[in-house]
């Protein structure tokens, strides 16, 4: 399986908050590699390269390589901690990825043809319910993103997971319903017209019923 990034690392023997602060002053981050029925491995990784990799997007949905003093480990980032104020990366948890493994990951959703969407052209608003979709997928076939085409979406439409073509072997973790990814909210004027039409129809029905009595 092809890796999306590679980070140089070193084994870490210092633990605790004081040690973590000392590492950050040296331009390093504390991290850990775990899983695959092997002992957890505390490591240090470079702050700059890790931050750049994180900001490219899809950090927790990409296979990476951690090079620990020449020995390479295939991993996927399962969690990371950010500073509550500065958003600096403070810690990363990596999961070992064994050959043939199946992973649960969050895949981002990309919306296509917004400029051609009839619902948006008529003044509707794209309401995104899910920016990502959690799926189980073979580790060697993780898609970069799911694409949802808006070319035929009209005001009031709901767009569901069934509208996305999933790659072979990829399965949403929610399987009991065709869940919503986004909707095209109708503009206020259109809603008022529909309500007025509904009220008028109801009044006509009442008048017809009264006339027949």
Protein backbone atom coordinates (compact mmCIF):
# COMPACT_ATOMS: atom_id res chain seq x y z
CA UNK A 1 0.00 0.00 0.00
CA UNK A 2 1.33 3.41 -0.95
CA UNK A 3 2.07 5.89 1.84
CA UNK A 4 0.87 9.49 1.66
CA UNK A 5 3.59 10.88 3.92
CA UNK A 6 6.72 9.89 5.81
CA UNK A 7 7.98 11.29 9.10
CA UNK A 8 11.37 10.76 10.70
CA UNK A 9 11.14 9.69 14.32
CA UNK A 10 13.17 8.53 17.27
CA UNK A 11 12.28 6.23 20.15
CA UNK A 12 11.29 8.19 23.26
CA UNK A 13 12.28 7.25 26.79
CA UNK A 14 11.16 10.45 28.51
CA UNK A 15 7.49 10.67 29.52
CA UNK A 16 5.33 13.13 31.44
CA UNK A 17 4.32 16.76 30.96
CA UNK A 18 7.75 18.15 31.80
CA UNK A 19 9.42 15.89 29.26
CA UNK A 20 6.81 16.82 26.64
CA UNK A 21 7.44 20.55 27.15
CA UNK A 22 11.18 19.96 26.85
CA UNK A 23 10.69 18.09 23.58
CA UNK A 24 8.57 20.89 22.12
CA UNK A 25 11.29 23.41 22.92
CA UNK A 26 13.55 21.21 20.80
CA UNK A 27 11.09 21.26 17.89
CA UNK A 28 9.83 17.74 18.61
CA UNK A 29 6.46 16.21 19.47
CA UNK A 30 5.66 13.25 21.71
CA UNK A 31 3.74 10.52 19.90
CA UNK A 32 2.99 6.83 20.25
CA UNK A 33 2.56 3.89 17.87
CA UNK A 34 0.24 1.12 19.06
CA UNK A 35 -1.84 -1.80 17.81
CA UNK A 36 -1.27 -4.96 15.74
CA UNK A 37 -0.89 -6.92 19.01
CA UNK A 38 2.49 -5.31 19.68
CA UNK A 39 3.66 -3.17 22.61
CA UNK A 40 3.04 0.57 22.44
CA UNK A 41 6.09 2.44 21.17
CA UNK A 42 6.63 6.02 22.46
CA UNK A 43 8.39 8.18 19.83
CA UNK A 44 9.25 11.77 19.00
CA UNK A 45 8.40 13.35 15.65
CA UNK A 46 9.30 16.78 14.22
CA UNK A 47 6.80 19.56 14.95
CA UNK A 48 7.21 21.37 11.61
CA UNK A 49 6.81 18.37 9.29
CA UNK A 50 3.95 16.94 11.36
CA UNK A 51 2.06 20.24 11.35
CA UNK A 52 2.47 20.60 7.57
CA UNK A 53 1.20 17.05 7.06
CA UNK A 54 -1.80 17.69 9.32
CA UNK A 55 -2.74 20.93 7.53
CA UNK A 56 -2.72 19.24 4.11
CA UNK A 57 -5.96 17.54 5.16
CA UNK A 58 -7.00 13.92 5.46
CA UNK A 59 -4.42 13.23 8.17
CA UNK A 60 -6.58 10.59 9.87
CA UNK A 61 -7.59 8.96 6.57
CA UNK A 62 -4.16 8.41 5.02
CA UNK A 63 -1.56 5.71 5.38
CA UNK A 64 1.80 7.12 6.48
CA UNK A 65 5.27 5.83 7.23
CA UNK A 66 7.12 6.52 10.46
CA UNK A 67 10.87 6.01 10.04
CA UNK A 68 12.35 5.23 13.45
CA UNK A 69 16.11 5.32 13.11
CA UNK A 70 15.93 3.53 9.76
CA UNK A 71 13.14 1.06 10.59
CA UNK A 72 9.89 1.95 8.80
CA UNK A 73 6.43 1.42 10.26
CA UNK A 74 3.19 1.79 8.26
CA UNK A 75 0.64 3.68 10.34
CA UNK A 76 -2.51 5.75 10.27
CA UNK A 77 -3.09 8.66 12.64
CA UNK A 78 -6.02 7.76 14.90
CA UNK A 79 -6.03 10.83 17.12
CA UNK A 80 -4.13 14.03 17.79
CA UNK A 81 -4.23 16.66 20.50
CA UNK A 82 -4.17 20.40 19.79
CA UNK A 83 -3.41 23.31 22.11
CA UNK A 84 -6.81 24.77 23.15
CA UNK A 85 -5.77 28.34 22.27
CA UNK A 86 -2.94 28.26 19.72
CA UNK A 87 -4.02 25.07 17.85
CA UNK A 88 -0.44 23.80 18.00
CA UNK A 89 -0.11 20.02 17.70
CA UNK A 90 0.71 18.58 21.13
CA UNK A 91 0.54 14.79 20.68
CA UNK A 92 -0.30 12.19 18.03
CA UNK A 93 -1.51 8.60 18.36
CA UNK A 94 -0.59 6.33 15.43
CA UNK A 95 -2.09 2.90 14.77
CA UNK A 96 0.07 0.24 13.14
CA UNK A 97 -1.35 -0.91 9.81
CA UNK A 98 -0.80 -4.59 9.07
CA UNK A 99 -0.89 -6.00 5.55
CA UNK A 100 -4.47 -6.80 4.53
CA UNK A 101 -5.95 -4.78 7.40
CA UNK A 102 -9.40 -3.20 7.30
CA UNK A 103 -9.68 0.22 8.94
CA UNK A 104 -12.45 2.50 10.17
CA UNK A 105 -11.78 6.01 8.90
CA UNK A 106 -13.53 9.33 8.28
CA UNK A 107 -13.56 10.24 4.58
CA UNK A 108 -14.28 13.88 3.57
CA UNK A 109 -17.13 14.67 1.18
CA UNK A 110 -16.53 16.92 -1.84
CA UNK A 111 -19.47 18.60 -3.57
CA UNK A 112 -19.32 18.81 -7.37
CA UNK A 113 -21.04 21.21 -9.81
CA UNK A 114 -22.22 23.74 -7.23
CA UNK A 115 -22.11 26.42 -9.95
CA UNK A 116 -24.51 24.36 -12.11
CA UNK A 117 -26.84 23.24 -9.33
CA UNK A 118 -30.41 24.32 -10.22
CA UNK A 119 -31.42 24.43 -6.57
CA UNK A 120 -28.65 26.91 -5.76
CA UNK A 121 -29.31 28.94 -8.91
CA UNK A 122 -32.91 29.38 -7.74
CA UNK A 123 -31.71 30.84 -4.45
CA UNK A 124 -31.51 27.68 -2.38
CA UNK A 125 -28.80 27.09 0.19
CA UNK A 126 -26.55 24.05 0.47
CA UNK A 127 -26.96 22.69 4.00
CA UNK A 128 -24.15 20.21 4.71
CA UNK A 129 -25.25 17.63 7.27
CA UNK A 130 -22.06 15.53 7.11
CA UNK A 131 -18.67 16.90 6.05
CA UNK A 132 -17.21 13.40 6.47
CA UNK A 133 -18.53 9.84 6.32
CA UNK A 134 -17.21 7.10 8.58
CA UNK A 135 -16.53 3.88 6.68
CA UNK A 136 -14.72 0.58 7.00
CA UNK A 137 -12.35 0.08 4.10
CA UNK A 138 -9.29 -2.00 3.17
CA UNK A 139 -6.14 -0.17 4.24
CA UNK A 140 -4.75 -0.32 0.70
CA UNK A 141 -7.89 1.22 -0.85
CA UNK A 142 -8.73 4.27 1.27
CA UNK A 143 -10.31 6.93 -0.99
CA UNK A 144 -9.09 10.52 -0.67
CA UNK A 145 -12.67 11.83 -0.72
CA UNK A 146 -16.24 10.97 -1.65
CA UNK A 147 -17.84 13.00 -4.44
CA UNK A 148 -21.46 14.15 -4.36
CA UNK A 149 -22.79 15.64 -7.60
CA UNK A 150 -25.19 18.60 -7.25
CA UNK A 151 -25.85 19.00 -10.99
CA UNK A 152 -29.51 17.92 -10.71
CA UNK A 153 -30.34 18.96 -7.15
CA UNK A 154 -33.47 21.10 -6.80
CA UNK A 155 -34.72 23.24 -3.89
CA UNK A 156 -35.96 20.99 -1.10
CA UNK A 157 -33.94 17.97 -2.22
CA UNK A 158 -32.16 15.73 0.29
CA UNK A 159 -28.96 14.02 -0.85
CA UNK A 160 -28.21 10.68 0.77
CA UNK A 161 -25.28 8.29 1.04
CA UNK A 162 -26.86 6.23 -1.76
CA UNK A 163 -26.03 9.10 -4.15
CA UNK A 164 -22.31 8.48 -3.60
CA UNK A 165 -20.57 5.73 -5.55
CA UNK A 166 -18.51 3.90 -2.95
CA UNK A 167 -15.41 1.96 -4.03
CA UNK A 168 -15.42 -1.81 -3.77
CA UNK A 169 -14.98 -3.06 -0.22
CA UNK A 170 -15.95 0.30 1.30
CA UNK A 171 -18.89 0.15 3.71
CA UNK A 172 -20.45 2.96 5.80
CA UNK A 173 -20.50 2.19 9.52
CA UNK A 174 -24.16 3.29 9.55
CA UNK A 175 -25.97 0.50 7.71
CA UNK A 176 -29.56 0.70 8.96
CA UNK A 177 -30.66 3.71 6.87
CA UNK A 178 -29.90 5.79 3.79
CA UNK A 179 -28.59 8.70 5.84
CA UNK A 180 -28.52 12.32 4.66
CA UNK A 181 -25.30 13.98 3.54
CA UNK A 182 -26.73 17.39 2.55
CA UNK A 183 -29.93 19.19 1.64
CA UNK A 184 -30.80 22.07 -0.67
CA UNK A 185 -32.83 24.39 1.52
CA UNK A 186 -35.50 26.23 -0.46
CA UNK A 187 -35.29 30.05 -0.43
CA UNK A 188 -37.67 31.88 1.92
CA UNK A 189 -39.78 33.31 -0.94
CA UNK A 190 -40.36 29.88 -2.40
CA UNK A 191 -41.39 28.50 1.01
CA UNK A 192 -43.91 31.31 1.44
CA UNK A 193 -45.37 30.66 -2.03
CA UNK A 194 -45.72 26.96 -1.24
CA UNK A 195 -47.42 27.77 2.06
CA UNK A 196 -49.77 30.24 0.34
CA UNK A 197 -50.61 27.66 -2.33
CA UNK A 198 -51.27 25.06 0.34
CA UNK A 199 -53.52 27.43 2.27
CA UNK A 200 -55.40 28.39 -0.91
CA UNK A 201 -55.95 24.75 -1.83
CA UNK A 202 -57.26 24.03 1.66
CA UNK A 203 -59.66 27.03 1.47
CA UNK A 204 -60.93 25.84 -1.91
CA UNK A 205 -61.55 22.37 -0.51
CA UNK A 206 -63.52 23.83 2.41
CA UNK A 207 -65.59 26.03 0.08
CA UNK A 208 -66.36 23.08 -2.21
CA UNK A 209 -67.39 20.96 0.76
CA UNK A 210 -69.66 23.75 2.08
CA UNK A 211 -71.26 24.25 -1.34
CA UNK A 212 -72.10 20.57 -1.64
CA UNK A 213 -73.97 20.48 1.67
